[in-house]
Amino acid sequence: MTPLSALRRLLPRPLPSRLAWRPVAVLAVSFALTALATHITSLAVRATDRVRFQSTAEHLQAVARERLEAYTTVLDAGSALVGTRPKLTHSEFQR
């Protein structure tokens, strides 16, 4: 056996013409399924991100609202204190 004939045995044989379309079809179906899976995954990730963003935004709105209400309460209390004691001194106000 010559080295050339040994090499020819290792090389794949060409497919008959009636079977030549099958590898191309398998490749095309694989690409289509990959594209579909990628699209579905992308939609799922976007939906998850949208929900996470909405939840975070609502939480931050609630925190900001509570903080503003606390500031308003402190200002109202200070205003009431000054209203009841018009000659309030600085040291009395700090207590």
PDB file of N, CA and C in Angstrom:
ATOM      1  N   MET A   1       0.848  -1.164   0.000  1.00  0.00           N
ATOM      2  CA  MET A   1       0.000   0.000   0.000  1.00  0.00           C
ATOM      3  C   MET A   1       0.900   1.235   0.000  1.00  0.00           C
ATOM      4  N   THR A   2       0.620   2.135  -0.900  1.00  0.00           N
ATOM      5  CA  THR A   2       1.421   3.348  -1.006  1.00  0.00           C
ATOM      6  C   THR A   2       0.865   4.401  -0.060  1.00  0.00           C
ATOM      7  N   PRO A   3       1.665   5.382   0.285  1.00  0.00           N
ATOM      8  CA  PRO A   3       1.172   6.439   1.175  1.00  0.00           C
ATOM      9  C   PRO A   3      -0.004   7.201   0.570  1.00  0.00           C
ATOM     10  N   LEU A   4      -0.013   7.351  -0.736  1.00  0.00           N
ATOM     11  CA  LEU A   4      -1.120   8.051  -1.390  1.00  0.00           C
ATOM     12  C   LEU A   4      -2.419   7.270  -1.275  1.00  0.00           C
ATOM     13  N   SER A   5      -2.363   5.953  -1.449  1.00  0.00           N
ATOM     14  CA  SER A   5      -3.583   5.152  -1.329  1.00  0.00           C
ATOM     15  C   SER A   5      -4.076   5.125   0.122  1.00  0.00           C
ATOM     16  N   ALA A   6      -3.172   5.160   1.095  1.00  0.00           N
ATOM     17  CA  ALA A   6      -3.570   5.210   2.506  1.00  0.00           C
ATOM     18  C   ALA A   6      -4.257   6.535   2.798  1.00  0.00           C
ATOM     19  N   LEU A   7      -3.750   7.607   2.227  1.00  0.00           N
ATOM     20  CA  LEU A   7      -4.361   8.923   2.420  1.00  0.00           C
ATOM     21  C   LEU A   7      -5.748   8.978   1.802  1.00  0.00           C
ATOM     22  N   ARG A   8      -5.918   8.390   0.638  1.00  0.00           N
ATOM     23  CA  ARG A   8      -7.235   8.382  -0.023  1.00  0.00           C
ATOM     24  C   ARG A   8      -8.267   7.631   0.809  1.00  0.00           C
ATOM     25  N   ARG A   9      -7.827   6.591   1.524  1.00  0.00           N
ATOM     26  CA  ARG A   9      -8.762   5.838   2.355  1.00  0.00           C
ATOM     27  C   ARG A   9      -9.245   6.672   3.541  1.00  0.00           C
ATOM     28  N   LEU A  10      -8.408   7.586   4.014  1.00  0.00           N
ATOM     29  CA  LEU A  10      -8.774   8.411   5.168  1.00  0.00           C
ATOM     30  C   LEU A  10      -9.695   9.567   4.799  1.00  0.00           C
ATOM     31  N   LEU A  11      -9.589  10.019   3.566  1.00  0.00           N
ATOM     32  CA  LEU A  11     -10.424  11.135   3.136  1.00  0.00           C
ATOM     33  C   LEU A  11     -11.880  10.685   2.988  1.00  0.00           C
ATOM     34  N   PRO A  12     -12.827  11.582   3.320  1.00  0.00           N
ATOM     35  CA  PRO A  12     -14.230  11.196   3.167  1.00  0.00           C
ATOM     36  C   PRO A  12     -14.594  11.032   1.701  1.00  0.00           C
ATOM     37  N   ARG A  13     -15.440  10.076   1.475  1.00  0.00           N
ATOM     38  CA  ARG A  13     -15.914   9.852   0.092  1.00  0.00           C
ATOM     39  C   ARG A  13     -17.011  10.850  -0.216  1.00  0.00           C
ATOM     40  N   PRO A  14     -17.085  11.295  -1.455  1.00  0.00           N
ATOM     41  CA  PRO A  14     -18.172  12.216  -1.800  1.00  0.00           C
ATOM     42  C   PRO A  14     -19.519  11.504  -1.706  1.00  0.00           C
ATOM     43  N   LEU A  15     -20.508  12.253  -1.275  1.00  0.00           N
ATOM     44  CA  LEU A  15     -21.853  11.695  -1.165  1.00  0.00           C
ATOM     45  C   LEU A  15     -22.464  11.531  -2.545  1.00  0.00           C
ATOM     46  N   PRO A  16     -23.319  10.551  -2.700  1.00  0.00           N
ATOM     47  CA  PRO A  16     -24.066  10.460  -3.964  1.00  0.00           C
ATOM     48  C   PRO A  16     -24.924  11.707  -4.135  1.00  0.00           C
ATOM     49  N   SER A  17     -25.207  12.065  -5.347  1.00  0.00           N
ATOM     50  CA  SER A  17     -25.922  13.323  -5.615  1.00  0.00           C
ATOM     51  C   SER A  17     -27.300  13.350  -4.967  1.00  0.00           C
ATOM     52  N   ARG A  18     -27.928  12.196  -4.767  1.00  0.00           N
ATOM     53  CA  ARG A  18     -29.262  12.191  -4.144  1.00  0.00           C
ATOM     54  C   ARG A  18     -29.201  12.483  -2.648  1.00  0.00           C
ATOM     55  N   LEU A  19     -28.022  12.378  -2.017  1.00  0.00           N
ATOM     56  CA  LEU A  19     -27.867  12.647  -0.587  1.00  0.00           C
ATOM     57  C   LEU A  19     -27.121  13.954  -0.305  1.00  0.00           C
ATOM     58  N   ALA A  20     -26.681  14.636  -1.322  1.00  0.00           N
ATOM     59  CA  ALA A  20     -25.841  15.821  -1.142  1.00  0.00           C
ATOM     60  C   ALA A  20     -26.582  16.964  -0.455  1.00  0.00           C
ATOM     61  N   TRP A  21     -27.878  17.058  -0.532  1.00  0.00           N
ATOM     62  CA  TRP A  21     -28.634  18.157   0.058  1.00  0.00           C
ATOM     63  C   TRP A  21     -28.833  17.984   1.566  1.00  0.00           C
ATOM     64  N   ARG A  22     -28.681  16.784   2.093  1.00  0.00           N
ATOM     65  CA  ARG A  22     -28.978  16.523   3.515  1.00  0.00           C
ATOM     66  C   ARG A  22     -28.069  17.308   4.474  1.00  0.00           C
ATOM     67  N   PRO A  23     -26.767  17.341   4.274  1.00  0.00           N
ATOM     68  CA  PRO A  23     -25.944  18.136   5.199  1.00  0.00           C
ATOM     69  C   PRO A  23     -26.303  19.617   5.182  1.00  0.00           C
ATOM     70  N   VAL A  24     -26.621  20.109   4.003  1.00  0.00           N
ATOM     71  CA  VAL A  24     -27.011  21.516   3.887  1.00  0.00           C
ATOM     72  C   VAL A  24     -28.332  21.752   4.612  1.00  0.00           C
ATOM     73  N   ALA A  25     -29.262  20.830   4.492  1.00  0.00           N
ATOM     74  CA  ALA A  25     -30.545  20.961   5.179  1.00  0.00           C
ATOM     75  C   ALA A  25     -30.372  20.902   6.690  1.00  0.00           C
ATOM     76  N   VAL A  26     -29.533  19.988   7.161  1.00  0.00           N
ATOM     77  CA  VAL A  26     -29.279  19.893   8.602  1.00  0.00           C
ATOM     78  C   VAL A  26     -28.651  21.189   9.113  1.00  0.00           C
ATOM     79  N   LEU A  27     -27.713  21.727   8.367  1.00  0.00           N
ATOM     80  CA  LEU A  27     -27.067  22.976   8.752  1.00  0.00           C
ATOM     81  C   LEU A  27     -28.081  24.126   8.773  1.00  0.00           C
ATOM     82  N   ALA A  28     -28.926  24.214   7.767  1.00  0.00           N
ATOM     83  CA  ALA A  28     -29.926  25.277   7.698  1.00  0.00           C
ATOM     84  C   ALA A  28     -30.921  25.175   8.850  1.00  0.00           C
ATOM     85  N   VAL A  29     -31.380  23.962   9.152  1.00  0.00           N
ATOM     86  CA  VAL A  29     -32.313  23.775  10.274  1.00  0.00           C
ATOM     87  C   VAL A  29     -31.629  24.128  11.589  1.00  0.00           C
ATOM     88  N   SER A  30     -30.377  23.754  11.741  1.00  0.00           N
ATOM     89  CA  SER A  30     -29.631  24.087  12.962  1.00  0.00           C
ATOM     90  C   SER A  30     -29.502  25.596  13.133  1.00  0.00           C
ATOM     91  N   PHE A  31     -29.179  26.301  12.058  1.00  0.00           N
ATOM     92  CA  PHE A  31     -29.086  27.757  12.129  1.00  0.00           C
ATOM     93  C   PHE A  31     -30.434  28.368  12.475  1.00  0.00           C
ATOM     94  N   ALA A  32     -31.504  27.882  11.873  1.00  0.00           N
ATOM     95  CA  ALA A  32     -32.836  28.415  12.152  1.00  0.00           C
ATOM     96  C   ALA A  32     -33.228  28.190  13.612  1.00  0.00           C
ATOM     97  N   LEU A  33     -32.965  27.009  14.138  1.00  0.00           N
ATOM     98  CA  LEU A  33     -33.288  26.728  15.538  1.00  0.00           C
ATOM     99  C   LEU A  33     -32.442  27.579  16.482  1.00  0.00           C
ATOM    100  N   THR A  34     -31.195  27.793  16.140  1.00  0.00           N
ATOM    101  CA  THR A  34     -30.336  28.644  16.955  1.00  0.00           C
ATOM    102  C   THR A  34     -30.848  30.078  16.962  1.00  0.00           C
ATOM    103  N   ALA A  35     -31.235  30.580  15.804  1.00  0.00           N
ATOM    104  CA  ALA A  35     -31.777  31.940  15.726  1.00  0.00           C
ATOM    105  C   ALA A  35     -33.068  32.059  16.531  1.00  0.00           C
ATOM    106  N   LEU A  36     -33.925  31.063  16.443  1.00  0.00           N
ATOM    107  CA  LEU A  36     -35.180  31.075  17.198  1.00  0.00           C
ATOM    108  C   LEU A  36     -34.914  31.043  18.699  1.00  0.00           C
ATOM    109  N   ALA A  37     -34.024  30.191  19.144  1.00  0.00           N
ATOM    110  CA  ALA A  37     -33.689  30.099  20.572  1.00  0.00           C
ATOM    111  C   ALA A  37     -33.080  31.410  21.070  1.00  0.00           C
ATOM    112  N   THR A  38     -32.235  32.023  20.263  1.00  0.00           N
ATOM    113  CA  THR A  38     -31.634  33.300  20.640  1.00  0.00           C
ATOM    114  C   THR A  38     -32.688  34.382  20.777  1.00  0.00           C
ATOM    115  N   HIS A  39     -33.626  34.419  19.848  1.00  0.00           N
ATOM    116  CA  HIS A  39     -34.700  35.418  19.891  1.00  0.00           C
ATOM    117  C   HIS A  39     -35.572  35.224  21.127  1.00  0.00           C
ATOM    118  N   ILE A  40     -35.960  34.001  21.414  1.00  0.00           N
ATOM    119  CA  ILE A  40     -36.814  33.718  22.580  1.00  0.00           C
ATOM    120  C   ILE A  40     -36.079  34.080  23.867  1.00  0.00           C
ATOM    121  N   THR A  41     -34.807  33.741  23.958  1.00  0.00           N
ATOM    122  CA  THR A  41     -34.022  34.080  25.140  1.00  0.00           C
ATOM    123  C   THR A  41     -33.900  35.589  25.297  1.00  0.00           C
ATOM    124  N   SER A  42     -33.700  36.280  24.202  1.00  0.00           N
ATOM    125  CA  SER A  42     -33.604  37.735  24.236  1.00  0.00           C
ATOM    126  C   SER A  42     -34.905  38.356  24.755  1.00  0.00           C
ATOM    127  N   LEU A  43     -36.036  37.858  24.297  1.00  0.00           N
ATOM    128  CA  LEU A  43     -37.326  38.370  24.776  1.00  0.00           C
ATOM    129  C   LEU A  43     -37.505  38.119  26.268  1.00  0.00           C
ATOM    130  N   ALA A  44     -37.116  36.945  26.715  1.00  0.00           N
ATOM    131  CA  ALA A  44     -37.249  36.615  28.139  1.00  0.00           C
ATOM    132  C   ALA A  44     -36.355  37.504  28.996  1.00  0.00           C
ATOM    133  N   VAL A  45     -35.142  37.750  28.545  1.00  0.00           N
ATOM    134  CA  VAL A  45     -34.215  38.600  29.298  1.00  0.00           C
ATOM    135  C   VAL A  45     -34.735  40.034  29.344  1.00  0.00           C
ATOM    136  N   ARG A  46     -35.259  40.525  28.237  1.00  0.00           N
ATOM    137  CA  ARG A  46     -35.821  41.882  28.220  1.00  0.00           C
ATOM    138  C   ARG A  46     -36.987  42.004  29.181  1.00  0.00           C
ATOM    139  N   ALA A  47     -37.859  41.007  29.203  1.00  0.00           N
ATOM    140  CA  ALA A  47     -39.006  41.041  30.115  1.00  0.00           C
ATOM    141  C   ALA A  47     -38.544  41.028  31.566  1.00  0.00           C
ATOM    142  N   THR A  48     -37.569  40.201  31.874  1.00  0.00           N
ATOM    143  CA  THR A  48     -37.040  40.144  33.241  1.00  0.00           C
ATOM    144  C   THR A  48     -36.411  41.476  33.630  1.00  0.00           C
ATOM    145  N   ASP A  49     -35.637  42.053  32.726  1.00  0.00           N
ATOM    146  CA  ASP A  49     -35.003  43.342  33.006  1.00  0.00           C
ATOM    147  C   ASP A  49     -36.047  44.440  33.201  1.00  0.00           C
ATOM    148  N   ARG A  50     -37.098  44.408  32.399  1.00  0.00           N
ATOM    149  CA  ARG A  50     -38.163  45.411  32.508  1.00  0.00           C
ATOM    150  C   ARG A  50     -38.832  45.327  33.878  1.00  0.00           C
ATOM    151  N   VAL A  51     -39.133  44.110  34.326  1.00  0.00           N
ATOM    152  CA  VAL A  51     -39.768  43.919  35.635  1.00  0.00           C
ATOM    153  C   VAL A  51     -38.829  44.370  36.750  1.00  0.00           C
ATOM    154  N   ARG A  52     -37.565  44.016  36.652  1.00  0.00           N
ATOM    155  CA  ARG A  52     -36.584  44.414  37.665  1.00  0.00           C
ATOM    156  C   ARG A  52     -36.444  45.939  37.727  1.00  0.00           C
ATOM    157  N   PHE A  53     -36.396  46.581  36.566  1.00  0.00           N
ATOM    158  CA  PHE A  53     -36.288  48.039  36.527  1.00  0.00           C
ATOM    159  C   PHE A  53     -37.524  48.685  37.140  1.00  0.00           C
ATOM    160  N   GLN A  54     -38.697  48.193  36.786  1.00  0.00           N
ATOM    161  CA  GLN A  54     -39.941  48.754  37.306  1.00  0.00           C
ATOM    162  C   GLN A  54     -39.999  48.619  38.823  1.00  0.00           C
ATOM    163  N   SER A  55     -39.610  47.470  39.328  1.00  0.00           N
ATOM    164  CA  SER A  55     -39.609  47.234  40.772  1.00  0.00           C
ATOM    165  C   SER A  55     -38.641  48.174  41.484  1.00  0.00           C
ATOM    166  N   THR A  56     -37.458  48.347  40.927  1.00  0.00           N
ATOM    167  CA  THR A  56     -36.468  49.243  41.522  1.00  0.00           C
ATOM    168  C   THR A  56     -36.957  50.686  41.487  1.00  0.00           C
ATOM    169  N   ALA A  57     -37.564  51.094  40.378  1.00  0.00           N
ATOM    170  CA  ALA A  57     -38.075  52.463  40.260  1.00  0.00           C
ATOM    171  C   ALA A  57     -39.179  52.714  41.286  1.00  0.00           C
ATOM    172  N   GLU A  58     -40.082  51.760  41.471  1.00  0.00           N
ATOM    173  CA  GLU A  58     -41.152  51.922  42.462  1.00  0.00           C
ATOM    174  C   GLU A  58     -40.583  51.990  43.874  1.00  0.00           C
ATOM    175  N   HIS A  59     -39.573  51.175  44.156  1.00  0.00           N
ATOM    176  CA  HIS A  59     -38.945  51.207  45.475  1.00  0.00           C
ATOM    177  C   HIS A  59     -38.294  52.562  45.736  1.00  0.00           C
ATOM    178  N   LEU A  60     -37.571  53.083  44.751  1.00  0.00           N
ATOM    179  CA  LEU A  60     -36.906  54.376  44.925  1.00  0.00           C
ATOM    180  C   LEU A  60     -37.918  55.505  45.068  1.00  0.00           C
ATOM    181  N   GLN A  61     -39.039  55.429  44.370  1.00  0.00           N
ATOM    182  CA  GLN A  61     -40.094  56.432  44.529  1.00  0.00           C
ATOM    183  C   GLN A  61     -40.654  56.403  45.950  1.00  0.00           C
ATOM    184  N   ALA A  62     -40.860  55.206  46.486  1.00  0.00           N
ATOM    185  CA  ALA A  62     -41.382  55.081  47.846  1.00  0.00           C
ATOM    186  C   ALA A  62     -40.389  55.634  48.859  1.00  0.00           C
ATOM    187  N   VAL A  63     -39.096  55.341  48.677  1.00  0.00           N
ATOM    188  CA  VAL A  63     -38.067  55.851  49.590  1.00  0.00           C
ATOM    189  C   VAL A  63     -38.023  57.378  49.528  1.00  0.00           C
ATOM    190  N   ALA A  64     -38.059  57.937  48.334  1.00  0.00           N
ATOM    191  CA  ALA A  64     -38.022  59.389  48.185  1.00  0.00           C
ATOM    192  C   ALA A  64     -39.269  60.024  48.806  1.00  0.00           C
ATOM    193  N   ARG A  65     -40.420  59.411  48.596  1.00  0.00           N
ATOM    194  CA  ARG A  65     -41.667  59.921  49.163  1.00  0.00           C
ATOM    195  C   ARG A  65     -41.601  59.917  50.697  1.00  0.00           C
ATOM    196  N   GLU A  66     -41.114  58.826  51.283  1.00  0.00           N
ATOM    197  CA  GLU A  66     -41.004  58.742  52.743  1.00  0.00           C
ATOM    198  C   GLU A  66     -40.031  59.789  53.290  1.00  0.00           C
ATOM    199  N   ARG A  67     -38.922  59.993  52.589  1.00  0.00           N
ATOM    200  CA  ARG A  67     -37.942  60.977  53.037  1.00  0.00           C
ATOM    201  C   ARG A  67     -38.528  62.391  52.979  1.00  0.00           C
ATOM    202  N   LEU A  68     -39.246  62.701  51.893  1.00  0.00           N
ATOM    203  CA  LEU A  68     -39.868  64.024  51.792  1.00  0.00           C
ATOM    204  C   LEU A  68     -40.934  64.216  52.863  1.00  0.00           C
ATOM    205  N   GLU A  69     -41.684  63.179  53.178  1.00  0.00           N
ATOM    206  CA  GLU A  69     -42.686  63.274  54.241  1.00  0.00           C
ATOM    207  C   GLU A  69     -42.012  63.514  55.590  1.00  0.00           C
ATOM    208  N   ALA A  70     -40.868  62.868  55.827  1.00  0.00           N
ATOM    209  CA  ALA A  70     -40.137  63.088  57.081  1.00  0.00           C
ATOM    210  C   ALA A  70     -39.632  64.525  57.156  1.00  0.00           C
ATOM    211  N   TYR A  71     -39.092  65.050  56.051  1.00  0.00           N
ATOM    212  CA  TYR A  71     -38.630  66.436  56.043  1.00  0.00           C
ATOM    213  C   TYR A  71     -39.797  67.395  56.291  1.00  0.00           C
ATOM    214  N   THR A  72     -40.925  67.118  55.676  1.00  0.00           N
ATOM    215  CA  THR A  72     -42.106  67.965  55.859  1.00  0.00           C
ATOM    216  C   THR A  72     -42.566  67.938  57.312  1.00  0.00           C
ATOM    217  N   THR A  73     -42.532  66.764  57.912  1.00  0.00           N
ATOM    218  CA  THR A  73     -42.928  66.641  59.320  1.00  0.00           C
ATOM    219  C   THR A  73     -42.009  67.450  60.219  1.00  0.00           C
ATOM    220  N   VAL A  74     -40.699  67.377  59.966  1.00  0.00           N
ATOM    221  CA  VAL A  74     -39.739  68.145  60.768  1.00  0.00           C
ATOM    222  C   VAL A  74     -39.970  69.640  60.572  1.00  0.00           C
ATOM    223  N   LEU A  75     -40.189  70.081  59.348  1.00  0.00           N
ATOM    224  CA  LEU A  75     -40.439  71.503  59.099  1.00  0.00           C
ATOM    225  C   LEU A  75     -41.732  71.971  59.765  1.00  0.00           C
ATOM    226  N   ASP A  76     -42.774  71.129  59.705  1.00  0.00           N
ATOM    227  CA  ASP A  76     -44.034  71.483  60.359  1.00  0.00           C
ATOM    228  C   ASP A  76     -43.852  71.583  61.869  1.00  0.00           C
ATOM    229  N   ALA A  77     -43.076  70.660  62.430  1.00  0.00           N
ATOM    230  CA  ALA A  77     -42.827  70.696  63.877  1.00  0.00           C
ATOM    231  C   ALA A  77     -42.044  71.957  64.254  1.00  0.00           C
ATOM    232  N   GLY A  78     -41.041  72.277  63.458  1.00  0.00           N
ATOM    233  CA  GLY A  78     -40.276  73.508  63.721  1.00  0.00           C
ATOM    234  C   GLY A  78     -41.142  74.742  63.599  1.00  0.00           C
ATOM    235  N   SER A  79     -41.993  74.775  62.609  1.00  0.00           N
ATOM    236  CA  SER A  79     -42.906  75.892  62.430  1.00  0.00           C
ATOM    237  C   SER A  79     -43.867  76.013  63.608  1.00  0.00           C
ATOM    238  N   ALA A  80     -44.374  74.890  64.082  1.00  0.00           N
ATOM    239  CA  ALA A  80     -45.290  74.908  65.229  1.00  0.00           C
ATOM    240  C   ALA A  80     -44.558  75.393  66.480  1.00  0.00           C
ATOM    241  N   LEU A  81     -43.316  74.966  66.648  1.00  0.00           N
ATOM    242  CA  LEU A  81     -42.544  75.402  67.818  1.00  0.00           C
ATOM    243  C   LEU A  81     -42.323  76.905  67.792  1.00  0.00           C
ATOM    244  N   VAL A  82     -41.925  77.424  66.636  1.00  0.00           N
ATOM    245  CA  VAL A  82     -41.714  78.866  66.506  1.00  0.00           C
ATOM    246  C   VAL A  82     -43.034  79.606  66.669  1.00  0.00           C
ATOM    247  N   GLY A  83     -44.138  79.014  66.194  1.00  0.00           N
ATOM    248  CA  GLY A  83     -45.451  79.652  66.325  1.00  0.00           C
ATOM    249  C   GLY A  83     -45.912  79.728  67.772  1.00  0.00           C
ATOM    250  N   THR A  84     -45.582  78.743  68.575  1.00  0.00           N
ATOM    251  CA  THR A  84     -46.016  78.763  69.974  1.00  0.00           C
ATOM    252  C   THR A  84     -45.079  79.573  70.858  1.00  0.00           C
ATOM    253  N   ARG A  85     -43.827  79.731  70.440  1.00  0.00           N
ATOM    254  CA  ARG A  85     -42.844  80.488  71.230  1.00  0.00           C
ATOM    255  C   ARG A  85     -42.146  81.481  70.301  1.00  0.00           C
ATOM    256  N   PRO A  86     -42.732  82.623  70.110  1.00  0.00           N
ATOM    257  CA  PRO A  86     -42.151  83.592  69.172  1.00  0.00           C
ATOM    258  C   PRO A  86     -40.753  84.083  69.576  1.00  0.00           C
ATOM    259  N   LYS A  87     -40.432  84.090  70.865  1.00  0.00           N
ATOM    260  CA  LYS A  87     -39.113  84.568  71.307  1.00  0.00           C
ATOM    261  C   LYS A  87     -38.218  83.386  71.642  1.00  0.00           C
ATOM    262  N   LEU A  88     -38.206  82.424  70.760  1.00  0.00           N
ATOM    263  CA  LEU A  88     -37.402  81.209  70.936  1.00  0.00           C
ATOM    264  C   LEU A  88     -35.933  81.532  70.728  1.00  0.00           C
ATOM    265  N   THR A  89     -35.104  81.072  71.660  1.00  0.00           N
ATOM    266  CA  THR A  89     -33.674  81.306  71.509  1.00  0.00           C
ATOM    267  C   THR A  89     -33.045  80.155  70.713  1.00  0.00           C
ATOM    268  N   HIS A  90     -31.825  80.433  70.291  1.00  0.00           N
ATOM    269  CA  HIS A  90     -31.114  79.419  69.504  1.00  0.00           C
ATOM    270  C   HIS A  90     -30.871  78.145  70.311  1.00  0.00           C
ATOM    271  N   SER A  91     -30.488  78.271  71.551  1.00  0.00           N
ATOM    272  CA  SER A  91     -30.232  77.080  72.385  1.00  0.00           C
ATOM    273  C   SER A  91     -31.517  76.302  72.652  1.00  0.00           C
ATOM    274  N   GLU A  92     -32.626  76.999  72.809  1.00  0.00           N
ATOM    275  CA  GLU A  92     -33.910  76.308  73.010  1.00  0.00           C
ATOM    276  C   GLU A  92     -34.326  75.554  71.736  1.00  0.00           C
ATOM    277  N   PHE A  93     -34.061  76.168  70.599  1.00  0.00           N
ATOM    278  CA  PHE A  93     -34.425  75.521  69.337  1.00  0.00           C
ATOM    279  C   PHE A  93     -33.605  74.256  69.124  1.00  0.00           C
ATOM    280  N   GLN A  94     -32.344  74.281  69.503  1.00  0.00           N
ATOM    281  CA  GLN A  94     -31.479  73.114  69.307  1.00  0.00           C
ATOM    282  C   GLN A  94     -31.886  71.935  70.171  1.00  0.00           C
ATOM    283  N   ARG A  95     -32.531  72.191  71.306  1.00  0.00           N
ATOM    284  CA  ARG A  95     -32.962  71.087  72.158  1.00  0.00           C
ATOM    285  C   ARG A  95     -34.122  70.405  71.504  1.00  0.00           C
TER     286      ARG A  95
END
